[in-house]
Protein backbone atom coordinates (compact mmCIF):
# COMPACT_ATOMS: atom_id res chain seq x y z
CA MET A 1 -0.10 -0.12 -0.12
CA LYS A 2 3.03 2.63 0.70
CA SER A 3 4.48 2.08 -2.96
CA ASP A 4 0.64 3.24 -3.91
CA GLU A 5 0.58 6.16 -1.81
CA GLN A 6 4.19 7.23 -2.82
CA ALA A 7 3.36 6.80 -6.61
CA THR A 8 0.15 9.12 -6.20
CA ASP A 9 2.11 11.81 -4.06
CA GLU A 10 4.66 12.50 -6.59
CA GLN A 11 3.41 14.44 -9.87
CA PRO A 12 5.37 13.30 -12.96
CA LEU A 13 7.37 16.03 -15.04
CA ILE A 14 4.42 18.42 -16.93
CA GLU A 15 5.70 18.91 -20.14
CA VAL A 16 3.78 20.70 -23.09
CA PRO A 17 3.92 18.43 -26.14
CA GLN A 18 4.63 20.19 -29.53
CA ALA A 19 1.59 20.48 -31.57
CA ARG A 20 0.85 21.99 -34.92
CA VAL A 21 -1.87 23.74 -33.82
CA TRP A 22 -3.29 24.19 -30.49
CA GLY A 23 -6.70 24.35 -29.47
CA ALA A 24 -8.92 23.94 -26.57
CA LEU A 25 -11.78 21.46 -25.82
CA HIS A 26 -14.34 22.66 -23.49
CA THR A 27 -15.42 19.06 -21.33
CA PHE A 28 -18.00 18.56 -19.67
CA PRO A 29 -17.76 18.75 -15.51
CA ARG A 30 -15.61 16.53 -14.04
CA ALA A 31 -14.45 14.92 -17.27
CA GLU A 32 -11.08 16.38 -18.20
CA LYS A 33 -9.16 13.20 -17.20
CA VAL A 34 -11.13 10.98 -19.15
CA VAL A 35 -10.60 13.11 -22.25
CA ALA A 36 -6.94 13.61 -21.43
CA GLU A 37 -6.96 9.70 -21.64
CA PHE A 38 -9.11 9.68 -24.72
CA LEU A 39 -6.44 11.68 -26.31
CA ALA A 40 -3.64 9.74 -25.04
CA ASN A 41 -5.06 6.26 -26.35
CA ARG A 42 -4.93 7.95 -29.87
CA GLN A 43 -1.69 9.36 -29.41
CA ILE A 44 -2.92 13.38 -29.86
CA PRO A 45 -0.62 15.84 -27.86
CA HIS A 46 -2.22 17.37 -25.19
CA PHE A 47 -1.67 19.18 -21.98
CA LEU A 48 -4.00 18.82 -19.20
CA PRO A 49 -2.45 21.27 -16.28
CA THR A 50 -3.01 19.86 -12.54
CA PHE A 51 -2.55 21.04 -8.96
CA LYS A 52 -2.04 18.91 -6.08
CA LYS A 53 -4.74 19.06 -3.49
CA THR A 54 -3.75 17.06 -0.05
CA ARG A 55 -6.54 16.12 2.27
CA ARG A 56 -6.52 14.67 5.54
CA TYR A 57 -9.03 12.10 7.07
CA GLY A 58 -8.19 11.38 10.50
CA SER A 59 -4.97 9.61 10.11
CA ARG A 60 -5.35 8.99 6.73
CA THR A 61 -3.72 11.18 3.88
CA ARG A 62 -5.08 11.35 0.40
CA VAL A 63 -3.32 13.23 -2.32
CA SER A 64 -4.87 14.01 -5.62
CA TYR A 65 -3.89 15.89 -8.64
CA LEU A 66 -7.12 18.05 -9.99
CA PRO A 67 -7.46 20.27 -13.26
CA LEU A 68 -6.08 23.72 -12.71
CA PHE A 69 -8.78 25.08 -15.06
CA PRO A 70 -11.37 22.87 -14.79
CA SER A 71 -13.41 21.74 -18.03
CA TYR A 72 -10.36 22.38 -20.14
CA VAL A 73 -7.71 20.50 -21.84
CA PHE A 74 -5.59 21.46 -24.51
CA TYR A 75 -4.63 19.55 -27.67
CA ASP A 76 -3.28 19.33 -30.93
CA ALA A 77 -6.37 20.46 -32.88
CA GLY A 78 -4.27 19.51 -36.33
CA ALA A 79 -3.68 16.09 -35.17
CA ILE A 80 -7.45 14.43 -35.17
CA GLU A 81 -10.44 15.40 -36.88
CA ARG A 82 -12.90 17.56 -35.02
CA THR A 83 -15.86 15.08 -35.52
CA GLU A 84 -13.64 12.35 -33.78
CA VAL A 85 -13.15 14.38 -30.74
CA PHE A 86 -16.51 14.07 -30.08
CA ALA A 87 -16.17 10.04 -29.98
CA SER A 88 -15.26 10.68 -26.11
CA ARG A 89 -19.08 11.61 -25.57
CA ARG A 90 -17.26 14.03 -23.12
CA ILE A 91 -16.87 17.54 -25.06
CA ALA A 92 -19.46 20.13 -25.01
CA GLY A 93 -17.21 22.39 -27.19
CA ILE A 94 -14.03 22.90 -29.56
CA LEU A 95 -12.12 25.90 -29.07
CA ASP A 96 -9.81 27.43 -31.82
CA ALA A 97 -6.77 29.87 -31.31
CA ASP A 98 -6.43 32.75 -33.52
CA ASP A 99 -3.12 33.50 -31.73
CA GLN A 100 -0.92 30.41 -31.72
CA GLU A 101 2.25 31.83 -30.59
CA GLU A 102 0.44 33.15 -27.38
CA LEU A 103 -1.14 30.31 -26.36
CA ARG A 104 2.31 28.03 -26.80
CA ARG A 105 3.92 30.79 -25.03
CA ASP A 106 1.23 30.68 -21.86
CA LEU A 107 1.02 26.61 -21.64
CA GLU A 108 4.87 26.95 -21.55
CA ASN A 109 4.82 29.48 -18.76
CA LEU A 110 2.16 27.59 -17.04
CA SER A 111 4.20 24.14 -17.23
CA LEU A 112 7.37 25.84 -15.65
CA ALA A 113 5.44 27.32 -12.95
CA LEU A 114 3.81 23.85 -12.29
CA ASN A 115 7.02 21.88 -12.36
CA ARG A 116 8.82 24.26 -9.78
CA ASP A 117 5.87 24.56 -7.69
CA ASP A 118 3.00 22.38 -6.36
CA SER A 119 0.97 25.66 -4.42
CA LEU A 120 -0.08 27.04 -7.88
CA CYS A 121 -3.49 27.58 -7.87
CA ALA A 122 -6.71 29.01 -9.84
CA THR A 123 -7.58 32.56 -9.54
CA ARG A 124 -9.44 35.58 -11.25
CA PHE A 125 -8.61 36.47 -14.29
CA GLY A 126 -9.50 40.44 -14.19
CA GLU A 127 -7.04 41.46 -11.76
CA VAL A 128 -4.44 43.25 -13.97
CA GLY A 129 -1.02 43.61 -12.39
CA LYS A 130 2.64 44.82 -13.41
CA PRO A 131 4.29 42.64 -15.95
CA VAL A 132 7.13 41.22 -14.58
CA GLN A 133 10.08 38.33 -15.15
CA VAL A 134 11.24 36.43 -12.29
CA VAL A 135 15.13 36.42 -12.19
CA ARG A 136 16.08 34.69 -9.19
CA GLY A 137 15.23 31.65 -7.08
CA LYS A 138 13.39 28.40 -8.29
CA PHE A 139 10.88 30.49 -10.64
CA LYS A 140 13.59 32.12 -12.62
CA GLY A 141 12.48 32.59 -16.29
CA LEU A 142 8.93 32.46 -15.68
CA ARG A 143 6.56 35.66 -17.00
CA GLY A 144 3.72 37.10 -15.35
CA GLU A 145 2.05 39.72 -13.38
CA ILE A 146 2.78 40.85 -9.76
CA VAL A 147 -0.51 41.55 -7.83
CA ARG A 148 -1.25 41.74 -4.45
CA ILE A 149 -4.17 39.38 -3.31
CA GLU A 150 -5.23 39.05 0.34
CA SER A 151 -2.29 41.78 1.33
CA ALA A 152 0.34 38.84 -0.26
CA THR A 153 2.29 39.31 -3.09
CA ARG A 154 1.74 36.96 -6.09
CA LEU A 155 2.56 36.15 -9.61
CA LEU A 156 -0.26 36.14 -11.54
CA ILE A 157 0.05 33.58 -14.58
CA ARG A 158 -2.49 34.11 -17.57
CA VAL A 159 -3.72 31.75 -20.33
CA HIS A 160 -5.34 34.50 -22.14
CA PHE A 161 -6.81 31.78 -24.84
CA ILE A 162 -9.72 30.65 -22.41
CA GLY A 163 -9.65 33.60 -19.81
CA GLN A 164 -8.25 32.02 -16.82
CA ALA A 165 -5.20 32.44 -14.73
CA ALA A 166 -3.32 30.96 -11.95
CA CYS A 167 -1.08 32.10 -9.12
CA LEU A 168 1.25 31.70 -6.57
CA ALA A 169 3.20 33.20 -3.80
CA ILE A 170 6.55 35.24 -4.50
CA ASP A 171 9.10 37.36 -2.96
CA GLU A 172 8.77 40.61 -4.88
CA SER A 173 12.60 40.63 -4.62
CA MET A 174 12.84 37.97 -6.97
CA VAL A 175 11.28 39.77 -10.00
CA GLU A 176 11.91 42.56 -12.51
CA PRO A 177 9.94 44.54 -14.71
CA ASP A 178 9.33 42.92 -17.85
CA LEU A 179 10.02 44.99 -21.17
């Protein structure tokens, strides 16, 4: 039983695969992992950002990896026919990205953050902050916006295409303005 607990406690490295044309699948509620598995079985490049959630039940601890952006799975729209995607019976809609470069950049930035810290969480998209780049520490290379949320300094990481954002706590001394 301990080996099972250890296996679920460590999230594998999260990488954004190469895709010809990025898009997003809007899934039915709580169907993101099923859709990701459907795409994986067909060897379709996809990206499902998840975050670690730990729950305690008395003396037992349960670790789960939940979708960071509920109801969204990013996928290579050029690798599968649109009609075939609906065969999963878990898709509510398909979103086509107009700005492929921006979406790829946003997903890679998000992947970098997820690989360096599991405390990333979804947040409001509307808050506008000062554009910065992290130049020191474990988040070096990450780009985002500095905002104050609940009297703490946070780095906001946006995925503009779906109007969603994630944030993590950061020390302001680690960032410099992104010009």
